[in-house]
Amino acid sequence: FALHIQGAVHINSRSPEYPGSKIKRFVVPDKSVSWSVPLPGYNPPQYTSPAVKSQPIWADPPLEPQPTGSTVSLPFNADDKERNVSRKSFTGKYKVVGGLPRNPSGRTGLTGRGLLGRYGPNHAADPVVTRWERDETGTVIKIHGKPVLQFVAICRNDTGEWAIPGGMVDAEENITQTLKREFSEEVLLDVDDQKPGTEIQTQLNKLFNSGVKVYEGYSDDHRNTDISWIETSVFNFHDDNGSTFDRIKLHPGEETSGVQWKRIDQSINLFASHFQFLEKVAKMHNAHF
């Protein structure tokens, strides 16, 4: 399954126009994605977004080109203790060429960091919150003898696509903290449900402490470049009897234009690698897909 996602051929990572810009990627044929295949004349444009160049707390200092007199170096393939971030890759040790990390899944047609703050891996976390789809009598719906799953989906403001409500791992955060924070930020609960110590919060904490890892590795994402890429940890949080979310109303957060329970099946059109993540979740639960 991981190979299916990581595969030798980038799809989203070679989207012709880089998101949030007018920058066109260098066209990389399928057969030339791998760095092991020579591509004479490969000269990708360089792009780092103004937001990243302004050096917010979540972005690295510039390495390309380095400001005159700068002696900045980053501990690639290691834990960066100074900045409290991991620069290790789930894919193994990545190459560093000319002082810059090289995308382990191949060419993208663009260098620079684009919209990504970190050189090398930018770690994200994606919580797949699921329940069984039920009819008005509370009976689980089945298709071809298999139960049907629903997941909490958000509509992204940036692309207009439906997606899993995930996001980037903040410095000093562990994955579980990120998963719960991102879910809470992108899927706003009623004010009463957000109060600590309520029954709802107790149930949510229990749910988010029972996650099952679905995938960790490279994510084929529109924002990836030759030197910066997204890697994600995907966890499934399953509300088996539906009791946790029966009484919770979902509301879209600031970065989302919609939120709803959506059926998991093959017809779903989703952002980045999220389709494959949901396919994996359905198989884990022996559910319809």
Protein backbone atom coordinates (compact mmCIF):
# COMPACT_ATOMS: atom_id res chain seq x y z
CA PHE A 1 0.00 0.00 0.00
CA ALA A 2 2.76 2.44 0.91
CA LEU A 3 4.43 1.80 -2.44
CA HIS A 4 1.15 2.55 -4.20
CA ILE A 5 1.18 6.01 -2.64
CA GLN A 6 4.88 6.71 -2.81
CA GLY A 7 5.19 5.15 -6.28
CA ALA A 8 7.86 6.22 -8.75
CA VAL A 9 5.46 8.55 -10.56
CA HIS A 10 4.43 11.82 -8.96
CA ILE A 11 0.93 12.94 -9.94
CA ASN A 12 -0.06 15.85 -7.67
CA SER A 13 3.60 16.77 -7.12
CA ARG A 14 3.92 17.54 -10.84
CA SER A 15 0.72 19.59 -11.21
CA PRO A 16 1.53 22.08 -14.03
CA GLU A 17 0.95 25.28 -12.03
CA TYR A 18 2.19 25.58 -8.46
CA PRO A 19 -0.70 26.40 -6.06
CA GLY A 20 -1.11 30.01 -4.99
CA SER A 21 1.17 31.25 -7.77
CA LYS A 22 1.54 31.64 -11.53
CA ILE A 23 4.72 29.55 -11.51
CA LYS A 24 4.75 26.76 -14.10
CA ARG A 25 6.70 23.61 -13.29
CA PHE A 26 9.35 22.20 -15.62
CA VAL A 27 7.60 19.36 -17.46
CA VAL A 28 8.93 16.01 -16.20
CA PRO A 29 7.84 12.94 -18.22
CA ASP A 30 6.67 9.88 -16.21
CA LYS A 31 9.75 7.91 -17.21
CA SER A 32 12.08 10.68 -15.95
CA VAL A 33 10.65 11.26 -12.46
CA SER A 34 13.29 9.06 -10.78
CA TRP A 35 16.60 10.79 -10.05
CA SER A 36 18.34 7.63 -11.29
CA VAL A 37 17.11 8.37 -14.83
CA PRO A 38 19.20 11.11 -16.54
CA LEU A 39 17.18 14.12 -17.70
CA PRO A 40 19.51 16.34 -19.77
CA GLY A 41 18.54 20.00 -19.63
CA TYR A 42 16.53 19.62 -16.41
CA ASN A 43 16.38 23.19 -15.12
CA PRO A 44 13.38 23.63 -12.81
CA PRO A 45 12.28 27.16 -11.86
CA GLN A 46 12.89 28.22 -8.28
CA TYR A 47 9.99 29.43 -6.17
CA THR A 48 9.62 30.18 -2.47
CA SER A 49 6.38 31.91 -1.51
CA PRO A 50 6.43 35.40 0.06
CA ALA A 51 4.86 33.90 3.21
CA VAL A 52 7.85 31.56 3.65
CA LYS A 53 10.40 34.23 2.69
CA SER A 54 9.09 36.44 5.50
CA GLN A 55 10.59 33.82 7.86
CA PRO A 56 7.65 33.05 10.17
CA ILE A 57 8.33 30.82 13.18
CA TRP A 58 7.36 27.69 11.20
CA ALA A 59 9.89 28.31 8.40
CA ASP A 60 13.62 27.57 8.12
CA PRO A 61 16.18 30.32 7.46
CA PRO A 62 17.08 30.55 3.73
CA LEU A 63 19.75 28.20 2.39
CA GLU A 64 19.36 28.96 -1.33
CA PRO A 65 20.86 31.30 -2.03
CA GLN A 66 22.41 31.85 1.37
CA PRO A 67 22.67 35.50 2.41
CA THR A 68 26.26 36.80 2.23
CA GLY A 69 28.21 35.81 5.31
CA SER A 70 25.54 33.35 6.49
CA THR A 71 26.80 30.19 8.14
CA VAL A 72 23.40 28.54 8.62
CA SER A 73 23.33 24.77 8.26
CA LEU A 74 20.52 22.39 9.16
CA PRO A 75 20.91 18.86 10.61
CA PHE A 76 19.27 16.89 7.80
CA ASN A 77 18.28 13.26 8.46
CA ALA A 78 18.31 14.00 12.21
CA ASP A 79 16.30 15.60 15.00
CA ASP A 80 16.85 19.36 14.98
CA LYS A 81 17.12 20.08 18.69
CA GLU A 82 17.59 23.83 18.18
CA ARG A 83 14.26 24.20 16.36
CA ASN A 84 12.42 21.25 17.98
CA VAL A 85 11.53 19.61 14.66
CA SER A 86 12.34 16.25 13.15
CA ARG A 87 14.21 16.32 9.86
CA LYS A 88 14.11 12.54 9.59
CA SER A 89 12.12 10.96 6.78
CA PHE A 90 9.72 8.02 7.06
CA THR A 91 11.17 6.88 3.71
CA GLY A 92 14.66 6.36 5.17
CA LYS A 93 17.79 8.44 4.68
CA TYR A 94 17.41 11.01 1.88
CA LYS A 95 20.29 12.44 -0.13
CA VAL A 96 21.64 15.93 0.49
CA VAL A 97 23.08 17.43 -2.72
CA GLY A 98 24.90 20.76 -2.70
CA GLY A 99 23.74 21.35 0.87
CA LEU A 100 20.07 20.82 -0.02
CA PRO A 101 17.89 17.74 0.55
CA ARG A 102 16.68 15.82 -2.49
CA ASN A 103 13.05 14.66 -2.76
CA PRO A 104 13.19 10.86 -2.25
CA SER A 105 10.27 10.26 -4.63
CA GLY A 106 11.89 12.01 -7.57
CA ARG A 107 11.70 15.17 -9.64
CA THR A 108 8.77 17.57 -9.30
CA GLY A 109 9.74 20.19 -11.89
CA LEU A 110 10.24 22.90 -9.24
CA THR A 111 12.92 23.84 -6.73
CA GLY A 112 12.75 26.26 -3.80
CA ARG A 113 10.39 25.60 -0.89
CA GLY A 114 7.16 26.82 -2.46
CA LEU A 115 4.56 27.06 0.31
CA LEU A 116 6.46 24.73 2.66
CA GLY A 117 8.44 26.08 5.58
CA ARG A 118 11.01 23.32 5.98
CA TYR A 119 13.74 22.08 3.71
CA GLY A 120 13.35 18.31 3.38
CA PRO A 121 10.38 16.63 5.06
CA ASN A 122 7.51 18.78 6.34
CA HIS A 123 5.62 16.55 8.77
CA ALA A 124 1.82 16.51 8.74
CA ALA A 125 -0.86 14.51 10.55
CA ASP A 126 -4.22 13.40 9.16
CA PRO A 127 -7.00 12.15 11.48
CA VAL A 128 -9.57 9.91 9.78
CA VAL A 129 -12.58 9.98 12.12
CA THR A 130 -15.12 7.30 11.14
CA ARG A 131 -18.48 5.86 12.12
CA TRP A 132 -20.94 3.42 10.53
CA GLU A 133 -23.62 4.85 8.25
CA ARG A 134 -27.05 4.01 9.69
CA ASP A 135 -30.65 4.19 8.49
CA GLU A 136 -33.45 5.94 10.40
CA THR A 137 -33.90 2.87 12.63
CA GLY A 138 -30.22 2.93 13.65
CA THR A 139 -29.34 -0.18 11.61
CA VAL A 140 -25.94 -0.13 9.90
CA ILE A 141 -26.37 0.22 6.12
CA LYS A 142 -24.77 -2.52 4.00
CA ILE A 143 -23.87 -2.64 0.31
CA HIS A 144 -23.11 -6.06 -1.22
CA GLY A 145 -23.09 -7.45 2.31
CA LYS A 146 -20.45 -5.03 3.61
CA PRO A 147 -21.12 -2.25 6.16
CA VAL A 148 -20.76 1.34 4.96
CA LEU A 149 -18.35 3.77 6.66
CA GLN A 150 -18.62 7.54 6.92
CA PHE A 151 -15.76 9.93 7.72
CA VAL A 152 -15.56 13.55 8.82
CA ALA A 153 -14.63 15.56 5.71
CA ILE A 154 -13.75 19.23 5.44
CA CYS A 155 -13.89 21.42 2.33
CA ARG A 156 -10.55 23.22 1.93
CA ASN A 157 -10.59 26.98 1.33
CA ASP A 158 -7.42 26.86 -0.78
CA THR A 159 -8.45 24.22 -3.34
CA GLY A 160 -12.20 23.77 -2.82
CA GLU A 161 -11.60 20.02 -2.52
CA TRP A 162 -12.95 17.70 0.18
CA ALA A 163 -10.24 16.37 2.45
CA ILE A 164 -9.32 14.75 5.75
CA PRO A 165 -9.02 17.54 8.40
CA GLY A 166 -5.25 17.41 8.86
CA GLY A 167 -2.35 19.84 9.08
CA MET A 168 1.30 20.39 9.85
CA VAL A 169 2.96 19.18 13.06
CA ASP A 170 3.98 22.20 15.16
CA ALA A 171 7.38 22.39 16.85
CA GLU A 172 7.48 20.43 20.13
CA GLU A 173 4.19 18.65 19.33
CA ASN A 174 3.75 14.90 19.25
CA ILE A 175 1.56 13.32 16.58
CA THR A 176 -1.40 12.69 18.91
CA GLN A 177 -1.46 16.36 19.97
CA THR A 178 -1.39 17.47 16.32
CA LEU A 179 -4.18 15.10 15.32
CA LYS A 180 -6.50 16.34 18.05
CA ARG A 181 -5.57 20.02 17.57
CA GLU A 182 -6.07 19.92 13.80
CA PHE A 183 -9.40 18.14 14.13
CA SER A 184 -10.57 20.65 16.73
CA GLU A 185 -9.39 23.66 14.66
CA GLU A 186 -10.88 22.54 11.35
CA VAL A 187 -14.04 20.97 12.77
CA LEU A 188 -15.34 23.42 15.36
CA LEU A 189 -17.51 21.95 18.07
CA ASP A 190 -20.32 23.82 19.82
CA VAL A 191 -19.02 26.09 22.60
CA ASP A 192 -20.50 23.84 25.30
CA ASP A 193 -18.75 20.82 23.75
CA GLN A 194 -15.34 22.56 23.91
CA LYS A 195 -15.38 23.02 27.69
CA PRO A 196 -12.83 20.80 29.48
CA GLY A 197 -14.27 18.16 31.75
CA THR A 198 -17.57 17.80 29.92
CA GLU A 199 -18.80 14.33 29.00
CA ILE A 200 -18.25 15.19 25.32
CA GLN A 201 -14.59 16.15 25.96
CA THR A 202 -14.08 12.97 27.99
CA GLN A 203 -15.44 10.89 25.10
CA LEU A 204 -13.35 12.81 22.55
CA ASN A 205 -10.19 12.28 24.60
CA LYS A 206 -10.98 8.58 24.82
CA LEU A 207 -11.55 8.45 21.05
CA PHE A 208 -8.31 10.29 20.26
CA ASN A 209 -6.33 8.01 22.55
CA SER A 210 -7.51 4.94 20.63
CA GLY A 211 -6.09 5.78 17.20
CA VAL A 212 -4.88 3.08 14.81
CA LYS A 213 -2.02 3.99 12.46
CA VAL A 214 -3.10 3.70 8.83
CA TYR A 215 -0.03 5.04 7.03
CA GLU A 216 3.11 7.03 7.56
CA GLY A 217 5.29 8.17 4.70
CA TYR A 218 5.58 10.40 1.67
CA SER A 219 2.46 12.28 0.57
CA ASP A 220 1.99 13.09 -3.14
CA ASP A 221 0.94 16.71 -2.64
CA HIS A 222 0.58 19.74 -4.96
CA ARG A 223 2.90 21.73 -2.66
CA ASN A 224 5.91 19.42 -2.97
CA THR A 225 9.15 20.53 -4.63
CA ASP A 226 12.55 18.99 -5.38
CA ILE A 227 13.90 20.11 -1.99
CA SER A 228 10.77 20.33 0.23
CA TRP A 229 8.03 17.75 0.55
CA ILE A 230 5.20 16.62 2.81
CA GLU A 231 5.24 13.39 4.81
CA THR A 232 2.20 12.42 6.83
CA SER A 233 1.04 10.20 9.67
CA VAL A 234 -2.52 8.99 9.13
CA PHE A 235 -4.50 7.63 12.09
CA ASN A 236 -8.04 6.24 12.18
CA PHE A 237 -10.29 7.10 15.13
CA HIS A 238 -13.40 4.92 14.89
CA ASP A 239 -16.60 5.68 16.82
CA ASP A 240 -17.95 2.13 16.60
CA ASN A 241 -21.37 2.60 18.18
CA GLY A 242 -21.72 6.24 17.09
CA SER A 243 -22.27 7.43 20.66
CA THR A 244 -19.49 10.06 20.71
CA PHE A 245 -20.68 11.96 17.65
CA ASP A 246 -24.42 11.41 17.97
CA ARG A 247 -24.76 14.55 20.08
CA ILE A 248 -21.98 16.65 18.52
CA LYS A 249 -22.74 19.24 15.86
CA LEU A 250 -19.87 19.84 13.42
CA HIS A 251 -19.02 23.36 12.21
CA PRO A 252 -16.35 24.46 9.70
CA GLY A 253 -13.28 26.21 11.15
CA GLU A 254 -11.52 29.31 9.78
CA GLU A 255 -9.57 27.44 7.09
CA THR A 256 -12.53 25.40 5.89
CA SER A 257 -15.70 26.30 4.02
CA GLY A 258 -17.66 23.18 4.93
CA VAL A 259 -17.68 20.06 7.09
CA GLN A 260 -19.83 16.96 6.86
CA TRP A 261 -19.98 13.21 7.29
CA LYS A 262 -19.27 11.67 3.87
CA ARG A 263 -19.66 8.08 2.74
CA ILE A 264 -16.39 6.24 2.04
CA ASP A 265 -16.56 4.69 -1.43
CA GLN A 266 -14.77 4.76 -4.79
CA SER A 267 -16.74 7.71 -6.14
CA ILE A 268 -15.28 10.17 -3.64
CA ASN A 269 -13.05 12.91 -5.10
CA LEU A 270 -10.44 14.02 -2.58
CA PHE A 271 -7.38 16.23 -2.02
CA ALA A 272 -3.85 14.78 -2.46
CA SER A 273 -3.36 11.12 -1.37
CA HIS A 274 -6.49 11.07 0.81
CA PHE A 275 -8.39 8.67 -1.49
CA GLN A 276 -5.80 5.94 -0.85
CA PHE A 277 -5.86 6.60 2.89
CA LEU A 278 -9.64 6.05 2.98
CA GLU A 279 -9.35 2.91 0.85
CA LYS A 280 -6.93 1.54 3.44
CA VAL A 281 -9.31 2.46 6.32
CA ALA A 282 -12.22 0.70 4.57
CA LYS A 283 -10.11 -2.46 4.19
CA MET A 284 -9.10 -2.31 7.87
CA HIS A 285 -12.79 -2.38 8.86
CA ASN A 286 -13.79 -4.87 6.12
CA ALA A 287 -16.20 -2.17 4.94
CA HIS A 288 -17.74 -1.30 1.58
CA PHE A 289 -15.53 0.68 -0.79
